Amino acid sequence: MTSTSSSDNDRGCLRILLAVPLVLLTLVAVSCCWVALTIRPSGSWDDDAYAGVALACVLAIGAAGAVVGVWLLPSVRRVMGWWWVGPAVVSGVVSVIWYVAVG
């Protein structure tokens, strides 16, 4: 007969609790990156489109930074693997590259 310790049960609940902000911030980062990549300015005179690209890139970079910031907390790192921050980091890097290329 085996018994599970309460820390194992708490770890599952903690993982679900910590996954919520990480997933939501990752969705924000990925969606803002997608918006930045899909906005196409009509020409060099289209300042509004360029401002939209810049805003979407900055929001994606900020959300990706927030994901990394939350993940760097020792209690979060202990429960969540590095793959939880992978999509956010990739979208943040793509947004930086796109911001530099378009900006």
PDB file of N, CA and C in Angstrom:
ATOM      1  N   MET A   1       0.846  -1.169   0.000  1.00  0.00           N
ATOM      2  CA  MET A   1       0.000   0.000   0.000  1.00  0.00           C
ATOM      3  C   MET A   1       0.898   1.240   0.000  1.00  0.00           C
ATOM      4  N   THR A   2       0.674   2.108  -0.961  1.00  0.00           N
ATOM      5  CA  THR A   2       1.458   3.337  -1.044  1.00  0.00           C
ATOM      6  C   THR A   2       0.566   4.518  -0.726  1.00  0.00           C
ATOM      7  N   SER A   3       1.163   5.488  -0.166  1.00  0.00           N
ATOM      8  CA  SER A   3       0.417   6.702   0.137  1.00  0.00           C
ATOM      9  C   SER A   3       1.138   7.874  -0.505  1.00  0.00           C
ATOM     10  N   THR A   4       0.368   8.799  -0.989  1.00  0.00           N
ATOM     11  CA  THR A   4       0.957  10.002  -1.572  1.00  0.00           C
ATOM     12  C   THR A   4       1.058  11.065  -0.496  1.00  0.00           C
ATOM     13  N   SER A   5       2.123  11.778  -0.538  1.00  0.00           N
ATOM     14  CA  SER A   5       2.298  12.826   0.463  1.00  0.00           C
ATOM     15  C   SER A   5       1.479  14.052   0.074  1.00  0.00           C
ATOM     16  N   SER A   6       1.217  14.884   1.033  1.00  0.00           N
ATOM     17  CA  SER A   6       0.434  16.087   0.759  1.00  0.00           C
ATOM     18  C   SER A   6       1.207  17.072  -0.100  1.00  0.00           C
ATOM     19  N   SER A   7       2.537  17.007  -0.070  1.00  0.00           N
ATOM     20  CA  SER A   7       3.311  17.921  -0.919  1.00  0.00           C
ATOM     21  C   SER A   7       3.150  17.568  -2.389  1.00  0.00           C
ATOM     22  N   ASP A   8       2.990  16.275  -2.716  1.00  0.00           N
ATOM     23  CA  ASP A   8       2.740  15.900  -4.105  1.00  0.00           C
ATOM     24  C   ASP A   8       1.383  16.405  -4.567  1.00  0.00           C
ATOM     25  N   ASN A   9       0.398  16.326  -3.703  1.00  0.00           N
ATOM     26  CA  ASN A   9      -0.925  16.838  -4.053  1.00  0.00           C
ATOM     27  C   ASN A   9      -0.899  18.356  -4.193  1.00  0.00           C
ATOM     28  N   ASP A  10      -0.162  19.022  -3.303  1.00  0.00           N
ATOM     29  CA  ASP A  10      -0.052  20.476  -3.376  1.00  0.00           C
ATOM     30  C   ASP A  10       0.686  20.911  -4.629  1.00  0.00           C
ATOM     31  N   ARG A  11       1.647  20.131  -5.056  1.00  0.00           N
ATOM     32  CA  ARG A  11       2.418  20.479  -6.246  1.00  0.00           C
ATOM     33  C   ARG A  11       1.516  20.499  -7.486  1.00  0.00           C
ATOM     34  N   GLY A  12       0.583  19.568  -7.589  1.00  0.00           N
ATOM     35  CA  GLY A  12      -0.346  19.552  -8.714  1.00  0.00           C
ATOM     36  C   GLY A  12      -1.252  20.768  -8.700  1.00  0.00           C
ATOM     37  N   CYS A  13      -1.759  21.123  -7.532  1.00  0.00           N
ATOM     38  CA  CYS A  13      -2.608  22.312  -7.418  1.00  0.00           C
ATOM     39  C   CYS A  13      -1.818  23.584  -7.684  1.00  0.00           C
ATOM     40  N   LEU A  14      -0.587  23.622  -7.188  1.00  0.00           N
ATOM     41  CA  LEU A  14       0.251  24.791  -7.409  1.00  0.00           C
ATOM     42  C   LEU A  14       0.586  24.949  -8.884  1.00  0.00           C
ATOM     43  N   ARG A  15       0.827  23.836  -9.580  1.00  0.00           N
ATOM     44  CA  ARG A  15       1.111  23.888 -11.001  1.00  0.00           C
ATOM     45  C   ARG A  15      -0.074  24.457 -11.773  1.00  0.00           C
ATOM     46  N   ILE A  16      -1.264  24.053 -11.426  1.00  0.00           N
ATOM     47  CA  ILE A  16      -2.460  24.577 -12.105  1.00  0.00           C
ATOM     48  C   ILE A  16      -2.633  26.060 -11.798  1.00  0.00           C
ATOM     49  N   LEU A  17      -2.419  26.426 -10.548  1.00  0.00           N
ATOM     50  CA  LEU A  17      -2.571  27.819 -10.152  1.00  0.00           C
ATOM     51  C   LEU A  17      -1.558  28.721 -10.853  1.00  0.00           C
ATOM     52  N   LEU A  18      -0.317  28.274 -10.938  1.00  0.00           N
ATOM     53  CA  LEU A  18       0.725  29.072 -11.577  1.00  0.00           C
ATOM     54  C   LEU A  18       0.632  29.043 -13.100  1.00  0.00           C
ATOM     55  N   ALA A  19      -0.002  28.022 -13.639  1.00  0.00           N
ATOM     56  CA  ALA A  19      -0.130  27.923 -15.087  1.00  0.00           C
ATOM     57  C   ALA A  19      -1.081  28.978 -15.640  1.00  0.00           C
ATOM     58  N   VAL A  20      -2.039  29.401 -14.867  1.00  0.00           N
ATOM     59  CA  VAL A  20      -3.034  30.357 -15.361  1.00  0.00           C
ATOM     60  C   VAL A  20      -2.387  31.673 -15.814  1.00  0.00           C
ATOM     61  N   PRO A  21      -1.614  32.378 -14.970  1.00  0.00           N
ATOM     62  CA  PRO A  21      -1.014  33.620 -15.464  1.00  0.00           C
ATOM     63  C   PRO A  21       0.022  33.389 -16.554  1.00  0.00           C
ATOM     64  N   LEU A  22       0.767  32.287 -16.470  1.00  0.00           N
ATOM     65  CA  LEU A  22       1.756  32.011 -17.508  1.00  0.00           C
ATOM     66  C   LEU A  22       1.092  31.771 -18.861  1.00  0.00           C
ATOM     67  N   VAL A  23       0.010  31.024 -18.869  1.00  0.00           N
ATOM     68  CA  VAL A  23      -0.690  30.753 -20.128  1.00  0.00           C
ATOM     69  C   VAL A  23      -1.343  32.020 -20.660  1.00  0.00           C
ATOM     70  N   LEU A  24      -1.977  32.800 -19.802  1.00  0.00           N
ATOM     71  CA  LEU A  24      -2.621  34.029 -20.267  1.00  0.00           C
ATOM     72  C   LEU A  24      -1.601  35.031 -20.813  1.00  0.00           C
ATOM     73  N   LEU A  25      -0.490  35.209 -20.121  1.00  0.00           N
ATOM     74  CA  LEU A  25       0.538  36.124 -20.608  1.00  0.00           C
ATOM     75  C   LEU A  25       1.182  35.602 -21.890  1.00  0.00           C
ATOM     76  N   THR A  26       1.328  34.287 -22.004  1.00  0.00           N
ATOM     77  CA  THR A  26       1.860  33.711 -23.240  1.00  0.00           C
ATOM     78  C   THR A  26       0.902  33.948 -24.395  1.00  0.00           C
ATOM     79  N   LEU A  27      -0.382  33.807 -24.154  1.00  0.00           N
ATOM     80  CA  LEU A  27      -1.373  34.078 -25.208  1.00  0.00           C
ATOM     81  C   LEU A  27      -1.323  35.533 -25.637  1.00  0.00           C
ATOM     82  N   VAL A  28      -1.150  36.447 -24.696  1.00  0.00           N
ATOM     83  CA  VAL A  28      -1.028  37.867 -25.036  1.00  0.00           C
ATOM     84  C   VAL A  28       0.224  38.097 -25.880  1.00  0.00           C
ATOM     85  N   ALA A  29       1.335  37.511 -25.470  1.00  0.00           N
ATOM     86  CA  ALA A  29       2.593  37.696 -26.209  1.00  0.00           C
ATOM     87  C   ALA A  29       2.491  37.142 -27.618  1.00  0.00           C
ATOM     88  N   VAL A  30       1.948  35.945 -27.753  1.00  0.00           N
ATOM     89  CA  VAL A  30       1.857  35.317 -29.078  1.00  0.00           C
ATOM     90  C   VAL A  30       0.868  36.062 -29.960  1.00  0.00           C
ATOM     91  N   SER A  31      -0.259  36.484 -29.411  1.00  0.00           N
ATOM     92  CA  SER A  31      -1.243  37.188 -30.240  1.00  0.00           C
ATOM     93  C   SER A  31      -0.742  38.569 -30.659  1.00  0.00           C
ATOM     94  N   CYS A  32      -0.054  39.263 -29.783  1.00  0.00           N
ATOM     95  CA  CYS A  32       0.509  40.568 -30.163  1.00  0.00           C
ATOM     96  C   CYS A  32       1.605  40.405 -31.209  1.00  0.00           C
ATOM     97  N   CYS A  33       2.394  39.360 -31.086  1.00  0.00           N
ATOM     98  CA  CYS A  33       3.417  39.081 -32.095  1.00  0.00           C
ATOM     99  C   CYS A  33       2.760  38.789 -33.442  1.00  0.00           C
ATOM    100  N   TRP A  34       1.690  38.016 -33.424  1.00  0.00           N
ATOM    101  CA  TRP A  34       0.970  37.705 -34.659  1.00  0.00           C
ATOM    102  C   TRP A  34       0.396  38.977 -35.285  1.00  0.00           C
ATOM    103  N   VAL A  35      -0.170  39.852 -34.464  1.00  0.00           N
ATOM    104  CA  VAL A  35      -0.703  41.119 -34.972  1.00  0.00           C
ATOM    105  C   VAL A  35       0.405  41.955 -35.600  1.00  0.00           C
ATOM    106  N   ALA A  36       1.549  42.013 -34.931  1.00  0.00           N
ATOM    107  CA  ALA A  36       2.674  42.793 -35.465  1.00  0.00           C
ATOM    108  C   ALA A  36       3.143  42.239 -36.803  1.00  0.00           C
ATOM    109  N   LEU A  37       3.118  40.935 -36.953  1.00  0.00           N
ATOM    110  CA  LEU A  37       3.574  40.326 -38.203  1.00  0.00           C
ATOM    111  C   LEU A  37       2.561  40.447 -39.333  1.00  0.00           C
ATOM    112  N   THR A  38       1.291  40.610 -39.004  1.00  0.00           N
ATOM    113  CA  THR A  38       0.267  40.663 -40.050  1.00  0.00           C
ATOM    114  C   THR A  38      -0.107  42.075 -40.485  1.00  0.00           C
ATOM    115  N   ILE A  39       0.260  43.085 -39.716  1.00  0.00           N
ATOM    116  CA  ILE A  39      -0.029  44.463 -40.135  1.00  0.00           C
ATOM    117  C   ILE A  39       0.891  44.813 -41.291  1.00  0.00           C
ATOM    118  N   ARG A  40       0.303  45.244 -42.379  1.00  0.00           N
ATOM    119  CA  ARG A  40       1.066  45.629 -43.565  1.00  0.00           C
ATOM    120  C   ARG A  40       0.810  47.100 -43.881  1.00  0.00           C
ATOM    121  N   PRO A  41       1.813  47.942 -43.725  1.00  0.00           N
ATOM    122  CA  PRO A  41       1.641  49.358 -44.078  1.00  0.00           C
ATOM    123  C   PRO A  41       1.406  49.508 -45.589  1.00  0.00           C
ATOM    124  N   SER A  42       0.611  50.493 -45.941  1.00  0.00           N
ATOM    125  CA  SER A  42       0.314  50.744 -47.361  1.00  0.00           C
ATOM    126  C   SER A  42       1.495  51.370 -48.082  1.00  0.00           C
ATOM    127  N   GLY A  43       2.338  52.045 -47.352  1.00  0.00           N
ATOM    128  CA  GLY A  43       3.512  52.683 -47.939  1.00  0.00           C
ATOM    129  C   GLY A  43       4.353  53.301 -46.840  1.00  0.00           C
ATOM    130  N   SER A  44       5.402  53.970 -47.263  1.00  0.00           N
ATOM    131  CA  SER A  44       6.292  54.581 -46.270  1.00  0.00           C
ATOM    132  C   SER A  44       5.613  55.737 -45.540  1.00  0.00           C
ATOM    133  N   TRP A  45       4.526  56.227 -46.077  1.00  0.00           N
ATOM    134  CA  TRP A  45       3.794  57.343 -45.479  1.00  0.00           C
ATOM    135  C   TRP A  45       2.786  56.877 -44.426  1.00  0.00           C
ATOM    136  N   ASP A  46       2.549  55.578 -44.303  1.00  0.00           N
ATOM    137  CA  ASP A  46       1.505  55.034 -43.427  1.00  0.00           C
ATOM    138  C   ASP A  46       2.005  54.957 -41.978  1.00  0.00           C
ATOM    139  N   ASP A  47       2.045  56.100 -41.319  1.00  0.00           N
ATOM    140  CA  ASP A  47       2.562  56.172 -39.954  1.00  0.00           C
ATOM    141  C   ASP A  47       1.697  55.419 -38.950  1.00  0.00           C
ATOM    142  N   ASP A  48       0.384  55.377 -39.192  1.00  0.00           N
ATOM    143  CA  ASP A  48      -0.499  54.672 -38.264  1.00  0.00           C
ATOM    144  C   ASP A  48      -0.210  53.174 -38.242  1.00  0.00           C
ATOM    145  N   ALA A  49       0.057  52.588 -39.393  1.00  0.00           N
ATOM    146  CA  ALA A  49       0.367  51.159 -39.439  1.00  0.00           C
ATOM    147  C   ALA A  49       1.698  50.873 -38.755  1.00  0.00           C
ATOM    148  N   TYR A  50       2.680  51.741 -38.984  1.00  0.00           N
ATOM    149  CA  TYR A  50       3.967  51.560 -38.321  1.00  0.00           C
ATOM    150  C   TYR A  50       3.834  51.714 -36.807  1.00  0.00           C
ATOM    151  N   ALA A  51       2.982  52.632 -36.372  1.00  0.00           N
ATOM    152  CA  ALA A  51       2.735  52.785 -34.936  1.00  0.00           C
ATOM    153  C   ALA A  51       2.035  51.553 -34.377  1.00  0.00           C
ATOM    154  N   GLY A  52       1.122  50.957 -35.146  1.00  0.00           N
ATOM    155  CA  GLY A  52       0.466  49.726 -34.711  1.00  0.00           C
ATOM    156  C   GLY A  52       1.434  48.570 -34.590  1.00  0.00           C
ATOM    157  N   VAL A  53       2.357  48.466 -35.542  1.00  0.00           N
ATOM    158  CA  VAL A  53       3.385  47.421 -35.472  1.00  0.00           C
ATOM    159  C   VAL A  53       4.257  47.623 -34.240  1.00  0.00           C
ATOM    160  N   ALA A  54       4.666  48.863 -34.007  1.00  0.00           N
ATOM    161  CA  ALA A  54       5.515  49.152 -32.848  1.00  0.00           C
ATOM    162  C   ALA A  54       4.787  48.839 -31.542  1.00  0.00           C
ATOM    163  N   LEU A  55       3.518  49.220 -31.450  1.00  0.00           N
ATOM    164  CA  LEU A  55       2.746  48.949 -30.236  1.00  0.00           C
ATOM    165  C   LEU A  55       2.579  47.458 -30.010  1.00  0.00           C
ATOM    166  N   ALA A  56       2.254  46.721 -31.063  1.00  0.00           N
ATOM    167  CA  ALA A  56       2.083  45.273 -30.927  1.00  0.00           C
ATOM    168  C   ALA A  56       3.395  44.609 -30.515  1.00  0.00           C
ATOM    169  N   CYS A  57       4.509  45.072 -31.078  1.00  0.00           N
ATOM    170  CA  CYS A  57       5.814  44.513 -30.704  1.00  0.00           C
ATOM    171  C   CYS A  57       6.144  44.813 -29.247  1.00  0.00           C
ATOM    172  N   VAL A  58       5.906  46.027 -28.821  1.00  0.00           N
ATOM    173  CA  VAL A  58       6.200  46.400 -27.433  1.00  0.00           C
ATOM    174  C   VAL A  58       5.327  45.604 -26.465  1.00  0.00           C
ATOM    175  N   LEU A  59       4.065  45.418 -26.797  1.00  0.00           N
ATOM    176  CA  LEU A  59       3.185  44.617 -25.933  1.00  0.00           C
ATOM    177  C   LEU A  59       3.629  43.164 -25.885  1.00  0.00           C
ATOM    178  N   ALA A  60       4.042  42.612 -27.020  1.00  0.00           N
ATOM    179  CA  ALA A  60       4.517  41.225 -27.046  1.00  0.00           C
ATOM    180  C   ALA A  60       5.793  41.075 -26.232  1.00  0.00           C
ATOM    181  N   ILE A  61       6.695  42.033 -26.377  1.00  0.00           N
ATOM    182  CA  ILE A  61       7.948  41.982 -25.615  1.00  0.00           C
ATOM    183  C   ILE A  61       7.667  42.122 -24.115  1.00  0.00           C
ATOM    184  N   GLY A  62       6.761  43.011 -23.761  1.00  0.00           N
ATOM    185  CA  GLY A  62       6.407  43.188 -22.347  1.00  0.00           C
ATOM    186  C   GLY A  62       5.755  41.960 -21.751  1.00  0.00           C
ATOM    187  N   ALA A  63       4.840  41.337 -22.498  1.00  0.00           N
ATOM    188  CA  ALA A  63       4.181  40.125 -21.991  1.00  0.00           C
ATOM    189  C   ALA A  63       5.172  38.977 -21.877  1.00  0.00           C
ATOM    190  N   ALA A  64       6.079  38.864 -22.849  1.00  0.00           N
ATOM    191  CA  ALA A  64       7.101  37.815 -22.777  1.00  0.00           C
ATOM    192  C   ALA A  64       8.035  38.063 -21.597  1.00  0.00           C
ATOM    193  N   GLY A  65       8.373  39.309 -21.364  1.00  0.00           N
ATOM    194  CA  GLY A  65       9.203  39.638 -20.204  1.00  0.00           C
ATOM    195  C   GLY A  65       8.495  39.327 -18.897  1.00  0.00           C
ATOM    196  N   ALA A  66       7.193  39.556 -18.853  1.00  0.00           N
ATOM    197  CA  ALA A  66       6.433  39.229 -17.647  1.00  0.00           C
ATOM    198  C   ALA A  66       6.392  37.727 -17.404  1.00  0.00           C
ATOM    199  N   VAL A  67       6.266  36.957 -18.475  1.00  0.00           N
ATOM    200  CA  VAL A  67       6.284  35.497 -18.332  1.00  0.00           C
ATOM    201  C   VAL A  67       7.625  35.042 -17.766  1.00  0.00           C
ATOM    202  N   VAL A  68       8.699  35.566 -18.314  1.00  0.00           N
ATOM    203  CA  VAL A  68      10.029  35.197 -17.816  1.00  0.00           C
ATOM    204  C   VAL A  68      10.195  35.669 -16.370  1.00  0.00           C
ATOM    205  N   GLY A  69       9.709  36.863 -16.067  1.00  0.00           N
ATOM    206  CA  GLY A  69       9.808  37.373 -14.701  1.00  0.00           C
ATOM    207  C   GLY A  69       9.065  36.510 -13.693  1.00  0.00           C
ATOM    208  N   VAL A  70       7.873  36.063 -14.050  1.00  0.00           N
ATOM    209  CA  VAL A  70       7.113  35.187 -13.156  1.00  0.00           C
ATOM    210  C   VAL A  70       7.828  33.844 -13.034  1.00  0.00           C
ATOM    211  N   TRP A  71       8.334  33.342 -14.137  1.00  0.00           N
ATOM    212  CA  TRP A  71       8.981  32.032 -14.119  1.00  0.00           C
ATOM    213  C   TRP A  71      10.289  32.054 -13.322  1.00  0.00           C
ATOM    214  N   LEU A  72      10.947  33.196 -13.254  1.00  0.00           N
ATOM    215  CA  LEU A  72      12.218  33.279 -12.526  1.00  0.00           C
ATOM    216  C   LEU A  72      12.056  33.215 -11.013  1.00  0.00           C
ATOM    217  N   LEU A  73      10.841  33.381 -10.530  1.00  0.00           N
ATOM    218  CA  LEU A  73      10.608  33.232  -9.093  1.00  0.00           C
ATOM    219  C   LEU A  73      10.915  31.791  -8.687  1.00  0.00           C
ATOM    220  N   PRO A  74      11.668  31.603  -7.611  1.00  0.00           N
ATOM    221  CA  PRO A  74      12.081  30.237  -7.239  1.00  0.00           C
ATOM    222  C   PRO A  74      10.917  29.271  -7.030  1.00  0.00           C
ATOM    223  N   SER A  75       9.829  29.742  -6.455  1.00  0.00           N
ATOM    224  CA  SER A  75       8.701  28.844  -6.219  1.00  0.00           C
ATOM    225  C   SER A  75       8.042  28.414  -7.528  1.00  0.00           C
ATOM    226  N   VAL A  76       8.091  29.261  -8.528  1.00  0.00           N
ATOM    227  CA  VAL A  76       7.505  28.912  -9.823  1.00  0.00           C
ATOM    228  C   VAL A  76       8.440  27.976 -10.583  1.00  0.00           C
ATOM    229  N   ARG A  77       9.732  28.279 -10.582  1.00  0.00           N
ATOM    230  CA  ARG A  77      10.698  27.432 -11.291  1.00  0.00           C
ATOM    231  C   ARG A  77      10.725  26.021 -10.745  1.00  0.00           C
ATOM    232  N   ARG A  78      10.503  25.880  -9.465  1.00  0.00           N
ATOM    233  CA  ARG A  78      10.522  24.564  -8.835  1.00  0.00           C
ATOM    234  C   ARG A  78       9.381  23.691  -9.369  1.00  0.00           C
ATOM    235  N   VAL A  79       8.278  24.304  -9.728  1.00  0.00           N
ATOM    236  CA  VAL A  79       7.099  23.550 -10.149  1.00  0.00           C
ATOM    237  C   VAL A  79       6.944  23.518 -11.666  1.00  0.00           C
ATOM    238  N   MET A  80       7.309  24.586 -12.350  1.00  0.00           N
ATOM    239  CA  MET A  80       7.095  24.704 -13.794  1.00  0.00           C
ATOM    240  C   MET A  80       8.419  24.500 -14.523  1.00  0.00           C
ATOM    241  N   GLY A  81       8.390  23.742 -15.596  1.00  0.00           N
ATOM    242  CA  GLY A  81       9.587  23.528 -16.402  1.00  0.00           C
ATOM    243  C   GLY A  81       9.869  24.709 -17.311  1.00  0.00           C
ATOM    244  N   TRP A  82      11.042  24.693 -17.920  1.00  0.00           N
ATOM    245  CA  TRP A  82      11.436  25.799 -18.808  1.00  0.00           C
ATOM    246  C   TRP A  82      10.573  25.848 -20.061  1.00  0.00           C
ATOM    247  N   TRP A  83       9.984  24.733 -20.463  1.00  0.00           N
ATOM    248  CA  TRP A  83       9.163  24.712 -21.674  1.00  0.00           C
ATOM    249  C   TRP A  83       7.900  25.554 -21.533  1.00  0.00           C
ATOM    250  N   TRP A  84       7.532  25.913 -20.318  1.00  0.00           N
ATOM    251  CA  TRP A  84       6.373  26.778 -20.124  1.00  0.00           C
ATOM    252  C   TRP A  84       6.641  28.186 -20.649  1.00  0.00           C
ATOM    253  N   VAL A  85       7.892  28.614 -20.645  1.00  0.00           N
ATOM    254  CA  VAL A  85       8.212  29.964 -21.098  1.00  0.00           C
ATOM    255  C   VAL A  85       8.695  29.994 -22.540  1.00  0.00           C
ATOM    256  N   GLY A  86       8.888  28.848 -23.135  1.00  0.00           N
ATOM    257  CA  GLY A  86       9.406  28.770 -24.506  1.00  0.00           C
ATOM    258  C   GLY A  86       8.615  29.560 -25.535  1.00  0.00           C
ATOM    259  N   PRO A  87       7.308  29.343 -25.657  1.00  0.00           N
ATOM    260  CA  PRO A  87       6.546  30.084 -26.666  1.00  0.00           C
ATOM    261  C   PRO A  87       6.567  31.600 -26.448  1.00  0.00           C
ATOM    262  N   ALA A  88       6.523  32.032 -25.203  1.00  0.00           N
ATOM    263  CA  ALA A  88       6.559  33.469 -24.922  1.00  0.00           C
ATOM    264  C   ALA A  88       7.912  34.060 -25.290  1.00  0.00           C
ATOM    265  N   VAL A  89       8.986  33.342 -24.969  1.00  0.00           N
ATOM    266  CA  VAL A  89      10.324  33.835 -25.296  1.00  0.00           C
ATOM    267  C   VAL A  89      10.513  33.903 -26.808  1.00  0.00           C
ATOM    268  N   VAL A  90      10.044  32.893 -27.522  1.00  0.00           N
ATOM    269  CA  VAL A  90      10.158  32.893 -28.985  1.00  0.00           C
ATOM    270  C   VAL A  90       9.383  34.067 -29.578  1.00  0.00           C
ATOM    271  N   SER A  91       8.169  34.299 -29.102  1.00  0.00           N
ATOM    272  CA  SER A  91       7.398  35.425 -29.633  1.00  0.00           C
ATOM    273  C   SER A  91       8.036  36.755 -29.261  1.00  0.00           C
ATOM    274  N   GLY A  92       8.651  36.847 -28.096  1.00  0.00           N
ATOM    275  CA  GLY A  92       9.358  38.064 -27.721  1.00  0.00           C
ATOM    276  C   GLY A  92      10.564  38.319 -28.603  1.00  0.00           C
ATOM    277  N   VAL A  93      11.321  37.273 -28.907  1.00  0.00           N
ATOM    278  CA  VAL A  93      12.491  37.418 -29.784  1.00  0.00           C
ATOM    279  C   VAL A  93      12.058  37.794 -31.195  1.00  0.00           C
ATOM    280  N   VAL A  94      11.014  37.147 -31.690  1.00  0.00           N
ATOM    281  CA  VAL A  94      10.493  37.488 -33.027  1.00  0.00           C
ATOM    282  C   VAL A  94      10.017  38.932 -33.048  1.00  0.00           C
ATOM    283  N   SER A  95       9.380  39.382 -31.990  1.00  0.00           N
ATOM    284  CA  SER A  95       8.900  40.762 -31.929  1.00  0.00           C
ATOM    285  C   SER A  95      10.054  41.756 -31.903  1.00  0.00           C
ATOM    286  N   VAL A  96      11.114  41.431 -31.185  1.00  0.00           N
ATOM    287  CA  VAL A  96      12.282  42.313 -31.179  1.00  0.00           C
ATOM    288  C   VAL A  96      12.873  42.403 -32.579  1.00  0.00           C
ATOM    289  N   ILE A  97      13.023  41.271 -33.234  1.00  0.00           N
ATOM    290  CA  ILE A  97      13.577  41.266 -34.593  1.00  0.00           C
ATOM    291  C   ILE A  97      12.682  42.045 -35.539  1.00  0.00           C
ATOM    292  N   TRP A  98      11.374  41.850 -35.440  1.00  0.00           N
ATOM    293  CA  TRP A  98      10.446  42.546 -36.328  1.00  0.00           C
ATOM    294  C   TRP A  98      10.426  44.053 -36.040  1.00  0.00           C
ATOM    295  N   TYR A  99      10.521  44.416 -34.769  1.00  0.00           N
ATOM    296  CA  TYR A  99      10.531  45.817 -34.387  1.00  0.00           C
ATOM    297  C   TYR A  99      11.767  46.514 -34.953  1.00  0.00           C
ATOM    298  N   VAL A 100      12.892  45.847 -34.884  1.00  0.00           N
ATOM    299  CA  VAL A 100      14.134  46.417 -35.428  1.00  0.00           C
ATOM    300  C   VAL A 100      14.069  46.486 -36.960  1.00  0.00           C
ATOM    301  N   ALA A 101      13.490  45.460 -37.578  1.00  0.00           N
ATOM    302  CA  ALA A 101      13.435  45.418 -39.035  1.00  0.00           C
ATOM    303  C   ALA A 101      12.463  46.446 -39.607  1.00  0.00           C
ATOM    304  N   VAL A 102      11.314  46.595 -38.959  1.00  0.00           N
ATOM    305  CA  VAL A 102      10.284  47.518 -39.488  1.00  0.00           C
ATOM    306  C   VAL A 102      10.503  48.921 -38.968  1.00  0.00           C
ATOM    307  N   GLY A 103      10.925  49.042 -37.710  1.00  0.00           N
ATOM    308  CA  GLY A 103      11.051  50.337 -37.060  1.00  0.00           C
ATOM    309  C   GLY A 103      12.089  51.171 -37.690  1.00  0.00           C
TER     310      GLY A 103
END
